[in-house]
C-alpha atoms as a PDB file:
ATOM      1  CA  MET A   1     -92.039  56.901  -8.447  1.00  0.00           C
ATOM      2  CA  LYS A   2     -91.340  60.435  -9.646  1.00  0.00           C
ATOM      3  CA  ARG A   3     -90.147  60.764 -13.225  1.00  0.00           C
ATOM      4  CA  PRO A   4     -88.941  63.849 -15.121  1.00  0.00           C
ATOM      5  CA  PHE A   5     -91.680  65.386 -17.249  1.00  0.00           C
ATOM      6  CA  SER A   6     -91.703  67.958 -20.050  1.00  0.00           C
ATOM      7  CA  GLN A   7     -94.436  69.648 -22.013  1.00  0.00           C
ATOM      8  CA  VAL A   8     -93.355  71.243 -25.266  1.00  0.00           C
ATOM      9  CA  ASP A   9     -94.998  73.103 -28.148  1.00  0.00           C
ATOM     10  CA  VAL A  10     -94.090  71.773 -31.594  1.00  0.00           C
ATOM     11  CA  PHE A  11     -94.097  73.462 -35.020  1.00  0.00           C
ATOM     12  CA  THR A  12     -93.965  76.951 -33.518  1.00  0.00           C
ATOM     13  CA  ASP A  13     -91.463  79.388 -32.048  1.00  0.00           C
ATOM     14  CA  THR A  14     -94.219  81.045 -29.990  1.00  0.00           C
ATOM     15  CA  PRO A  15     -95.565  79.112 -26.972  1.00  0.00           C
ATOM     16  CA  LEU A  16     -99.250  78.120 -27.145  1.00  0.00           C
ATOM     17  CA  ARG A  17     -99.439  78.481 -30.935  1.00  0.00           C
ATOM     18  CA  GLY A  18     -98.318  75.021 -32.077  1.00  0.00           C
ATOM     19  CA  ASN A  19     -99.159  71.474 -31.005  1.00  0.00           C
ATOM     20  CA  ALA A  20     -98.557  70.578 -27.372  1.00  0.00           C
ATOM     21  CA  LEU A  21     -96.819  67.324 -26.456  1.00  0.00           C
ATOM     22  CA  ALA A  22     -96.363  65.695 -23.041  1.00  0.00           C
ATOM     23  CA  VAL A  23     -93.079  63.797 -22.619  1.00  0.00           C
ATOM     24  CA  VAL A  24     -92.273  61.423 -19.744  1.00  0.00           C
ATOM     25  CA  HIS A  25     -88.532  60.799 -19.366  1.00  0.00           C
ATOM     26  CA  ASP A  26     -86.909  57.665 -17.886  1.00  0.00           C
ATOM     27  CA  ALA A  27     -90.090  55.705 -18.613  1.00  0.00           C
ATOM     28  CA  ASP A  28     -88.517  52.231 -18.477  1.00  0.00           C
ATOM     29  CA  GLY A  29     -90.566  49.993 -16.193  1.00  0.00           C
ATOM     30  CA  LEU A  30     -93.932  51.553 -17.010  1.00  0.00           C
ATOM     31  CA  SER A  31     -96.538  49.183 -18.405  1.00  0.00           C
ATOM     32  CA  THR A  32     -98.527  49.841 -21.554  1.00  0.00           C
ATOM     33  CA  GLU A  33    -101.611  50.290 -19.377  1.00  0.00           C
ATOM     34  CA  GLN A  34     -99.878  52.945 -17.257  1.00  0.00           C
ATOM     35  CA  MET A  35     -98.717  54.803 -20.351  1.00  0.00           C
ATOM     36  CA  LEU A  36    -102.172  54.763 -21.905  1.00  0.00           C
ATOM     37  CA  ALA A  37    -103.800  55.887 -18.664  1.00  0.00           C
ATOM     38  CA  PHE A  38    -101.422  58.836 -18.427  1.00  0.00           C
ATOM     39  CA  ALA A  39    -101.963  59.732 -22.090  1.00  0.00           C
ATOM     40  CA  ARG A  40    -105.716  59.780 -21.493  1.00  0.00           C
ATOM     41  CA  TRP A  41    -105.211  61.926 -18.400  1.00  0.00           C
ATOM     42  CA  THR A  42    -103.156  64.554 -20.234  1.00  0.00           C
ATOM     43  CA  ASN A  43    -105.947  64.689 -22.859  1.00  0.00           C
ATOM     44  CA  LEU A  44    -103.448  65.927 -25.452  1.00  0.00           C
ATOM     45  CA  SER A  45    -103.386  64.661 -29.009  1.00  0.00           C
ATOM     46  CA  GLU A  46    -100.210  62.712 -28.138  1.00  0.00           C
ATOM     47  CA  THR A  47     -98.071  61.818 -25.126  1.00  0.00           C
ATOM     48  CA  THR A  48     -94.678  60.130 -25.417  1.00  0.00           C
ATOM     49  CA  PHE A  49     -92.458  58.027 -23.171  1.00  0.00           C
ATOM     50  CA  LEU A  50     -88.675  58.018 -23.511  1.00  0.00           C
ATOM     51  CA  LEU A  51     -86.911  54.711 -22.886  1.00  0.00           C
ATOM     52  CA  LYS A  52     -83.523  53.113 -23.300  1.00  0.00           C
ATOM     53  CA  PRO A  53     -83.038  51.971 -26.911  1.00  0.00           C
ATOM     54  CA  VAL A  54     -83.102  48.339 -27.955  1.00  0.00           C
ATOM     55  CA  ASP A  55     -81.227  49.019 -31.204  1.00  0.00           C
ATOM     56  CA  PRO A  56     -77.615  49.939 -30.293  1.00  0.00           C
ATOM     57  CA  ALA A  57     -77.540  52.494 -33.117  1.00  0.00           C
ATOM     58  CA  ALA A  58     -80.408  54.503 -31.607  1.00  0.00           C
ATOM     59  CA  ASP A  59     -79.961  57.434 -29.248  1.00  0.00           C
ATOM     60  CA  TYR A  60     -83.248  56.707 -27.439  1.00  0.00           C
ATOM     61  CA  ARG A  61     -86.497  54.808 -27.892  1.00  0.00           C
ATOM     62  CA  VAL A  62     -89.957  56.356 -27.793  1.00  0.00           C
ATOM     63  CA  ARG A  63     -93.468  55.025 -27.388  1.00  0.00           C
ATOM     64  CA  ILE A  64     -96.244  57.272 -28.653  1.00  0.00           C
ATOM     65  CA  PHE A  65     -99.810  57.328 -27.355  1.00  0.00           C
ATOM     66  CA  CYS A  66    -102.941  59.267 -28.211  1.00  0.00           C
ATOM     67  CA  PRO A  67    -106.006  59.035 -25.939  1.00  0.00           C
ATOM     68  CA  GLY A  68    -107.290  56.179 -28.082  1.00  0.00           C
ATOM     69  CA  GLY A  69    -104.188  53.974 -28.028  1.00  0.00           C
ATOM     70  CA  GLU A  70    -100.576  53.532 -29.149  1.00  0.00           C
ATOM     71  CA  LEU A  71     -99.244  54.834 -32.481  1.00  0.00           C
ATOM     72  CA  LYS A  72     -96.442  53.308 -34.528  1.00  0.00           C
ATOM     73  CA  PHE A  73     -95.234  56.733 -35.624  1.00  0.00           C
ATOM     74  CA  ALA A  74     -96.260  60.376 -35.464  1.00  0.00           C
ATOM     75  CA  GLY A  75     -94.506  63.538 -36.576  1.00  0.00           C
ATOM     76  CA  HIS A  76     -94.994  66.172 -33.895  1.00  0.00           C
ATOM     77  CA  PRO A  77     -94.242  63.607 -31.125  1.00  0.00           C
ATOM     78  CA  THR A  78     -91.016  62.742 -32.954  1.00  0.00           C
ATOM     79  CA  LEU A  79     -89.787  66.337 -33.030  1.00  0.00           C
ATOM     80  CA  GLY A  80     -91.120  67.158 -29.565  1.00  0.00           C
ATOM     81  CA  SER A  81     -89.579  64.053 -27.976  1.00  0.00           C
ATOM     82  CA  CYS A  82     -86.247  64.829 -29.598  1.00  0.00           C
ATOM     83  CA  HIS A  83     -86.378  68.400 -28.281  1.00  0.00           C
ATOM     84  CA  ALA A  84     -87.235  67.241 -24.732  1.00  0.00           C
ATOM     85  CA  TRP A  85     -84.510  64.563 -24.811  1.00  0.00           C
ATOM     86  CA  ARG A  86     -81.889  67.111 -25.884  1.00  0.00           C
ATOM     87  CA  GLN A  87     -83.076  69.715 -23.363  1.00  0.00           C
ATOM     88  CA  ALA A  88     -82.690  67.081 -20.630  1.00  0.00           C
ATOM     89  CA  GLY A  89     -79.031  66.602 -21.568  1.00  0.00           C
ATOM     90  CA  GLY A  90     -79.239  63.991 -24.302  1.00  0.00           C
ATOM     91  CA  VAL A  91     -76.301  64.074 -26.717  1.00  0.00           C
ATOM     92  CA  PRO A  92     -76.583  62.173 -30.017  1.00  0.00           C
ATOM     93  CA  LYS A  93     -73.939  59.692 -31.037  1.00  0.00           C
ATOM     94  CA  THR A  94     -73.498  61.659 -34.274  1.00  0.00           C
ATOM     95  CA  ALA A  95     -73.285  65.447 -34.028  1.00  0.00           C
ATOM     96  CA  GLY A  96     -76.312  67.127 -35.614  1.00  0.00           C
ATOM     97  CA  LEU A  97     -78.208  63.867 -36.197  1.00  0.00           C
ATOM     98  CA  VAL A  98     -80.447  62.081 -33.693  1.00  0.00           C
ATOM     99  CA  LEU A  99     -81.562  58.493 -34.296  1.00  0.00           C
ATOM    100  CA  GLN A 100     -84.933  57.795 -32.699  1.00  0.00           C
ATOM    101  CA  GLU A 101     -86.186  54.242 -32.298  1.00  0.00           C
ATOM    102  CA  CYS A 102     -89.939  53.685 -32.527  1.00  0.00           C
ATOM    103  CA  GLN A 103     -92.327  51.085 -33.916  1.00  0.00           C
ATOM    104  CA  VAL A 104     -91.555  51.956 -37.554  1.00  0.00           C
ATOM    105  CA  GLY A 105     -87.823  51.497 -36.905  1.00  0.00           C
ATOM    106  CA  LEU A 106     -85.083  54.118 -36.763  1.00  0.00           C
ATOM    107  CA  VAL A 107     -86.076  57.670 -37.678  1.00  0.00           C
ATOM    108  CA  ARG A 108     -83.368  60.203 -38.545  1.00  0.00           C
ATOM    109  CA  ILE A 109     -83.767  63.704 -37.099  1.00  0.00           C
ATOM    110  CA  ARG A 110     -81.574  66.620 -38.193  1.00  0.00           C
ATOM    111  CA  VAL A 111     -81.076  69.077 -35.324  1.00  0.00           C
ATOM    112  CA  SER A 112     -79.777  72.632 -35.094  1.00  0.00           C
ATOM    113  CA  GLY A 113     -80.659  74.742 -32.071  1.00  0.00           C
ATOM    114  CA  ASP A 114     -84.418  74.647 -31.520  1.00  0.00           C
ATOM    115  CA  GLU A 115     -84.999  73.606 -35.139  1.00  0.00           C
ATOM    116  CA  ALA A 116     -85.305  69.953 -36.128  1.00  0.00           C
ATOM    117  CA  ALA A 117     -86.543  67.946 -39.083  1.00  0.00           C
ATOM    118  CA  PHE A 118     -87.285  64.236 -39.348  1.00  0.00           C
ATOM    119  CA  ALA A 119     -86.742  62.056 -42.387  1.00  0.00           C
ATOM    120  CA  ALA A 120     -90.214  60.927 -43.393  1.00  0.00           C
ATOM    121  CA  PRO A 121     -90.772  57.161 -43.317  1.00  0.00           C
ATOM    122  CA  PRO A 122     -91.777  55.472 -46.580  1.00  0.00           C
ATOM    123  CA  MET A 123     -95.348  56.241 -47.587  1.00  0.00           C
ATOM    124  CA  ALA A 124     -97.739  53.836 -49.287  1.00  0.00           C
ATOM    125  CA  GLY A 125    -100.858  55.037 -51.079  1.00  0.00           C
ATOM    126  CA  ARG A 126    -103.989  53.274 -52.259  1.00  0.00           C
ATOM    127  CA  PRO A 127    -107.260  54.324 -53.880  1.00  0.00           C
ATOM    128  CA  VAL A 128    -110.347  55.327 -51.909  1.00  0.00           C
ATOM    129  CA  ASP A 129    -113.526  53.301 -52.336  1.00  0.00           C
ATOM    130  CA  ASP A 130    -116.218  55.383 -54.076  1.00  0.00           C
ATOM    131  CA  THR A 131    -118.845  54.571 -51.463  1.00  0.00           C
ATOM    132  CA  LEU A 132    -116.534  55.548 -48.602  1.00  0.00           C
ATOM    133  CA  LEU A 133    -115.607  58.762 -50.385  1.00  0.00           C
ATOM    134  CA  ALA A 134    -119.263  59.686 -50.836  1.00  0.00           C
ATOM    135  CA  ASP A 135    -119.972  58.982 -47.156  1.00  0.00           C
ATOM    136  CA  LEU A 136    -116.981  61.084 -46.141  1.00  0.00           C
ATOM    137  CA  ARG A 137    -118.026  64.001 -48.326  1.00  0.00           C
ATOM    138  CA  ARG A 138    -121.399  64.011 -46.591  1.00  0.00           C
ATOM    139  CA  ALA A 139    -119.745  63.866 -43.149  1.00  0.00           C
ATOM    140  CA  LEU A 140    -117.622  66.886 -44.079  1.00  0.00           C
ATOM    141  CA  GLY A 141    -120.351  68.828 -45.868  1.00  0.00           C
ATOM    142  CA  LEU A 142    -118.512  68.719 -49.191  1.00  0.00           C
ATOM    143  CA  ALA A 143    -119.904  68.649 -52.715  1.00  0.00           C
ATOM    144  CA  PRO A 144    -118.262  66.364 -55.314  1.00  0.00           C
ATOM    145  CA  GLU A 145    -116.784  69.395 -57.081  1.00  0.00           C
ATOM    146  CA  ASP A 146    -114.994  70.465 -53.871  1.00  0.00           C
ATOM    147  CA  VAL A 147    -112.706  67.399 -54.040  1.00  0.00           C
ATOM    148  CA  VAL A 148    -109.814  67.520 -56.506  1.00  0.00           C
ATOM    149  CA  ALA A 149    -108.247  64.188 -55.502  1.00  0.00           C
ATOM    150  CA  ALA A 150    -108.504  61.531 -52.769  1.00  0.00           C
ATOM    151  CA  GLN A 151    -106.084  58.873 -51.558  1.00  0.00           C
ATOM    152  CA  TRP A 152    -105.300  56.654 -48.592  1.00  0.00           C
ATOM    153  CA  LEU A 153    -101.792  57.600 -47.368  1.00  0.00           C
ATOM    154  CA  ASP A 154     -99.920  55.483 -44.814  1.00  0.00           C
ATOM    155  CA  ASN A 155     -96.445  56.007 -43.304  1.00  0.00           C
ATOM    156  CA  GLY A 156     -97.221  54.138 -40.099  1.00  0.00           C
ATOM    157  CA  LEU A 157    -100.383  56.166 -39.595  1.00  0.00           C
ATOM    158  CA  PRO A 158    -103.135  55.728 -42.219  1.00  0.00           C
ATOM    159  CA  TRP A 159    -104.945  58.903 -43.293  1.00  0.00           C
ATOM    160  CA  LEU A 160    -107.709  59.274 -45.834  1.00  0.00           C
ATOM    161  CA  VAL A 161    -106.648  62.521 -47.500  1.00  0.00           C
ATOM    162  CA  LEU A 162    -108.751  64.819 -49.648  1.00  0.00           C
ATOM    163  CA  GLN A 163    -107.215  67.558 -51.741  1.00  0.00           C
ATOM    164  CA  LEU A 164    -109.809  70.330 -51.962  1.00  0.00           C
ATOM    165  CA  THR A 165    -110.112  73.154 -54.454  1.00  0.00           C
ATOM    166  CA  ASP A 166    -108.219  75.669 -52.302  1.00  0.00           C
ATOM    167  CA  ALA A 167    -107.176  76.594 -48.784  1.00  0.00           C
ATOM    168  CA  ALA A 168    -110.319  78.641 -48.188  1.00  0.00           C
ATOM    169  CA  ARG A 169    -112.472  75.564 -48.759  1.00  0.00           C
ATOM    170  CA  VAL A 170    -110.293  73.571 -46.343  1.00  0.00           C
ATOM    171  CA  LEU A 171    -110.753  76.213 -43.645  1.00  0.00           C
ATOM    172  CA  ALA A 172    -114.513  76.388 -44.214  1.00  0.00           C
ATOM    173  CA  VAL A 173    -115.180  72.681 -43.549  1.00  0.00           C
ATOM    174  CA  GLU A 174    -117.471  71.956 -40.583  1.00  0.00           C
ATOM    175  CA  PRO A 175    -117.137  68.195 -39.930  1.00  0.00           C
ATOM    176  CA  ASP A 176    -119.736  65.951 -38.329  1.00  0.00           C
ATOM    177  CA  GLY A 177    -117.349  64.394 -35.811  1.00  0.00           C
ATOM    178  CA  ALA A 178    -119.557  61.411 -34.983  1.00  0.00           C
ATOM    179  CA  ALA A 179    -119.955  60.564 -38.674  1.00  0.00           C
ATOM    180  CA  VAL A 180    -116.225  61.012 -39.407  1.00  0.00           C
ATOM    181  CA  ALA A 181    -115.320  58.751 -36.463  1.00  0.00           C
ATOM    182  CA  LYS A 182    -117.138  55.850 -38.130  1.00  0.00           C
ATOM    183  CA  LEU A 183    -115.217  56.273 -41.387  1.00  0.00           C
ATOM    184  CA  ALA A 184    -111.510  57.160 -41.096  1.00  0.00           C
ATOM    185  CA  ASP A 185    -108.856  59.501 -39.785  1.00  0.00           C
ATOM    186  CA  VAL A 186    -109.124  62.335 -42.288  1.00  0.00           C
ATOM    187  CA  GLY A 187    -106.697  64.895 -43.679  1.00  0.00           C
ATOM    188  CA  LEU A 188    -107.598  67.864 -45.844  1.00  0.00           C
ATOM    189  CA  VAL A 189    -105.227  69.933 -47.979  1.00  0.00           C
ATOM    190  CA  GLY A 190    -105.732  72.908 -50.256  1.00  0.00           C
ATOM    191  CA  ALA A 191    -103.464  75.467 -51.899  1.00  0.00           C
ATOM    192  CA  HIS A 192    -103.217  79.096 -50.817  1.00  0.00           C
ATOM    193  CA  PRO A 193    -103.041  81.827 -53.488  1.00  0.00           C
ATOM    194  CA  ALA A 194     -99.610  82.498 -55.004  1.00  0.00           C
ATOM    195  CA  GLY A 195     -97.475  84.752 -52.838  1.00  0.00           C
ATOM    196  CA  SER A 196     -99.016  83.628 -49.521  1.00  0.00           C
ATOM    197  CA  PRO A 197     -96.688  82.936 -46.546  1.00  0.00           C
ATOM    198  CA  ALA A 198     -97.715  79.253 -46.657  1.00  0.00           C
ATOM    199  CA  GLN A 199     -98.303  77.353 -49.877  1.00  0.00           C
ATOM    200  CA  PHE A 200    -100.817  74.836 -48.479  1.00  0.00           C
ATOM    201  CA  GLU A 201    -103.359  74.679 -45.641  1.00  0.00           C
ATOM    202  CA  LEU A 202    -104.007  71.391 -43.857  1.00  0.00           C
ATOM    203  CA  ARG A 203    -106.513  70.118 -41.309  1.00  0.00           C
ATOM    204  CA  ALA A 204    -106.615  66.728 -39.555  1.00  0.00           C
ATOM    205  CA  PHE A 205    -109.561  64.971 -37.907  1.00  0.00           C
ATOM    206  CA  ALA A 206    -109.188  61.772 -35.855  1.00  0.00           C
ATOM    207  CA  PRO A 207    -112.280  61.663 -33.606  1.00  0.00           C
ATOM    208  CA  ALA A 208    -112.157  57.860 -33.264  1.00  0.00           C
ATOM    209  CA  ALA A 209    -108.795  58.291 -31.497  1.00  0.00           C
ATOM    210  CA  GLY A 210    -110.136  61.050 -29.272  1.00  0.00           C
ATOM    211  CA  ILE A 211    -108.784  63.913 -31.407  1.00  0.00           C
ATOM    212  CA  ALA A 212    -111.580  66.078 -32.798  1.00  0.00           C
ATOM    213  CA  GLU A 213    -109.077  68.223 -34.720  1.00  0.00           C
ATOM    214  CA  ASP A 214    -105.310  67.936 -34.413  1.00  0.00           C
ATOM    215  CA  PRO A 215    -103.543  71.319 -34.195  1.00  0.00           C
ATOM    216  CA  VAL A 216    -100.467  70.432 -36.294  1.00  0.00           C
ATOM    217  CA  THR A 217     -99.771  66.966 -37.676  1.00  0.00           C
ATOM    218  CA  GLY A 218     -96.265  65.983 -38.785  1.00  0.00           C
ATOM    219  CA  SER A 219     -97.089  62.493 -40.062  1.00  0.00           C
ATOM    220  CA  LEU A 220     -99.985  63.793 -42.151  1.00  0.00           C
ATOM    221  CA  ASN A 221     -97.889  66.616 -43.576  1.00  0.00           C
ATOM    222  CA  ALA A 222     -95.156  64.115 -44.470  1.00  0.00           C
ATOM    223  CA  SER A 223     -97.539  61.842 -46.379  1.00  0.00           C
ATOM    224  CA  VAL A 224     -99.329  64.743 -48.055  1.00  0.00           C
ATOM    225  CA  ALA A 225     -96.029  66.275 -49.209  1.00  0.00           C
ATOM    226  CA  GLN A 226     -94.912  62.969 -50.740  1.00  0.00           C
ATOM    227  CA  TRP A 227     -98.300  62.625 -52.468  1.00  0.00           C
ATOM    228  CA  LEU A 228     -98.350  66.187 -53.794  1.00  0.00           C
ATOM    229  CA  MET A 229     -94.718  66.162 -54.926  1.00  0.00           C
ATOM    230  CA  ARG A 230     -95.069  62.847 -56.747  1.00  0.00           C
ATOM    231  CA  ARG A 231     -98.019  64.274 -58.658  1.00  0.00           C
ATOM    232  CA  GLY A 232     -96.210  67.517 -59.491  1.00  0.00           C
ATOM    233  CA  VAL A 233     -98.708  69.546 -57.437  1.00  0.00           C
ATOM    234  CA  ALA A 234     -96.129  70.866 -54.938  1.00  0.00           C
ATOM    235  CA  PRO A 235     -92.517  72.066 -55.349  1.00  0.00           C
ATOM    236  CA  ALA A 236     -89.554  70.295 -53.760  1.00  0.00           C
ATOM    237  CA  ARG A 237     -89.671  72.753 -50.858  1.00  0.00           C
ATOM    238  CA  TYR A 238     -92.685  74.499 -49.387  1.00  0.00           C
ATOM    239  CA  VAL A 239     -94.251  75.711 -46.157  1.00  0.00           C
ATOM    240  CA  ALA A 240     -97.579  74.337 -44.910  1.00  0.00           C
ATOM    241  CA  ALA A 241     -99.929  75.925 -42.368  1.00  0.00           C
ATOM    242  CA  GLN A 242    -102.208  74.096 -39.948  1.00  0.00           C
ATOM    243  CA  GLY A 243    -104.305  74.880 -36.893  1.00  0.00           C
ATOM    244  CA  ALA A 244    -105.834  78.244 -37.822  1.00  0.00           C
ATOM    245  CA  ARG A 245    -109.408  77.079 -37.219  1.00  0.00           C
ATOM    246  CA  ILE A 246    -108.586  76.215 -33.593  1.00  0.00           C
ATOM    247  CA  GLY A 247    -106.458  79.244 -32.769  1.00  0.00           C
ATOM    248  CA  ARG A 248    -103.025  77.855 -33.593  1.00  0.00           C
ATOM    249  CA  ALA A 249    -100.415  79.010 -36.095  1.00  0.00           C
ATOM    250  CA  GLY A 250     -98.470  75.889 -36.977  1.00  0.00           C
ATOM    251  CA  ARG A 251     -95.850  76.101 -39.701  1.00  0.00           C
ATOM    252  CA  ILE A 252     -94.216  73.038 -41.204  1.00  0.00           C
ATOM    253  CA  VAL A 253     -91.308  73.092 -43.651  1.00  0.00           C
ATOM    254  CA  LEU A 254     -91.334  70.234 -46.181  1.00  0.00           C
ATOM    255  CA  GLU A 255     -88.177  69.742 -48.222  1.00  0.00           C
ATOM    256  CA  ARG A 256     -87.142  66.955 -50.565  1.00  0.00           C
ATOM    257  CA  ASP A 257     -83.416  66.238 -50.716  1.00  0.00           C
ATOM    258  CA  GLY A 258     -82.754  63.431 -53.174  1.00  0.00           C
ATOM    259  CA  ASP A 259     -84.881  60.492 -52.062  1.00  0.00           C
ATOM    260  CA  THR A 260     -85.447  61.907 -48.562  1.00  0.00           C
ATOM    261  CA  LEU A 261     -88.292  64.160 -47.493  1.00  0.00           C
ATOM    262  CA  TRP A 262     -87.441  66.230 -44.425  1.00  0.00           C
ATOM    263  CA  VAL A 263     -90.305  67.500 -42.263  1.00  0.00           C
ATOM    264  CA  GLY A 264     -89.379  70.167 -39.778  1.00  0.00           C
ATOM    265  CA  GLY A 265     -89.955  73.253 -37.720  1.00  0.00           C
ATOM    266  CA  PRO A 266     -89.148  74.762 -34.324  1.00  0.00           C
ATOM    267  CA  THR A 267     -90.133  73.507 -30.871  1.00  0.00           C
ATOM    268  CA  VAL A 268     -90.327  75.515 -27.655  1.00  0.00           C
ATOM    269  CA  ALA A 269     -90.374  74.212 -24.071  1.00  0.00           C
ATOM    270  CA  CYS A 270     -93.374  75.211 -21.950  1.00  0.00           C
ATOM    271  CA  ILE A 271     -93.273  73.122 -18.754  1.00  0.00           C
ATOM    272  CA  ARG A 272     -90.644  71.048 -16.931  1.00  0.00           C
ATOM    273  CA  GLY A 273     -91.114  69.150 -13.711  1.00  0.00           C
ATOM    274  CA  GLU A 274     -91.861  65.714 -12.325  1.00  0.00           C
ATOM    275  CA  VAL A 275     -94.793  63.362 -12.521  1.00  0.00           C
ATOM    276  CA  GLU A 276     -95.715  60.518 -10.157  1.00  0.00           C
ATOM    277  CA  LEU A 277     -95.994  57.322 -12.216  1.00  0.00           C
END
C-alpha cells in the first residue's frame, strides 16, 4: 500500500548541508523485515517509521533503522521524525513539547518553528581497554600523543570516543574503514581555537553498520557534551560542528539546563510524497 513519505535535512537551515533522514508515516502494519529492507534501499545513515504510540502519554512512536539494523535511539532521527510528524499535521498534547516514544522510552523534544531540541537520554561511560585503544589508534592513523582522553559513551547507542588535541587533528584523520569496522563505532572530538563559530569539531564512523562517516550525529554529540561538561572541558552551552570532511555544514547547539542537556538545531524539508510499502 502507499504510505506518506518525507525526506528531511537535519541540523541545518540550508538543504543538502545537514544529515538527510527518510521518514515513513503511518507505518503501522509493516514488519521489521520490511522496515529494514526499506532502510537498506534508501542507503541513508538512518530511516525512521512513525507509528501509533503504545504509551498513552506519547504523541507518536518511532522505530529507527540504519542499513545495518535497528537502533534504540539516535539524535538526528529524533529531530527529523519530529519535524516530519509536525509538518504532516501532528499536534503535540502539550504546546511546545513533543513526547516521542522509542526503544529508550519517552524522549522530550522542545519545538519552536523549524527549531527543535531533544532532552538527551542518560549517558553511561566506561573506560577503554588499552589494547583496543592501541588498535583503534592504528586504524585511525593516530599517535599516542594525539589522544587527550578516551571513553566508551552509551545513551542507547555505544560510541568509543576519542578527544584529540584539537579540531584540526580531528579533520585530518584518514580512517581505515575495514579496520575500524572490526573494533567499534567511533567518535572523535577536538576543540577549535577561541573565537571560532563552533567550539568543537566532531566526526563519527560506524562502518560496521554501513555508515562510513555520519554527516551529523545527534546521539554522539549528546554523549560527548555530557562527557566534556562533566570534566569541565566544555561550557554549559556551546555549538559543535560536524560533516565538513564530507561536504556538510552541520551545526548542533548543546545546552545544559539544570540536570537536562538539550541537543538541538534546525531541520528543513526536502522531499514529500508517497512510497509503496
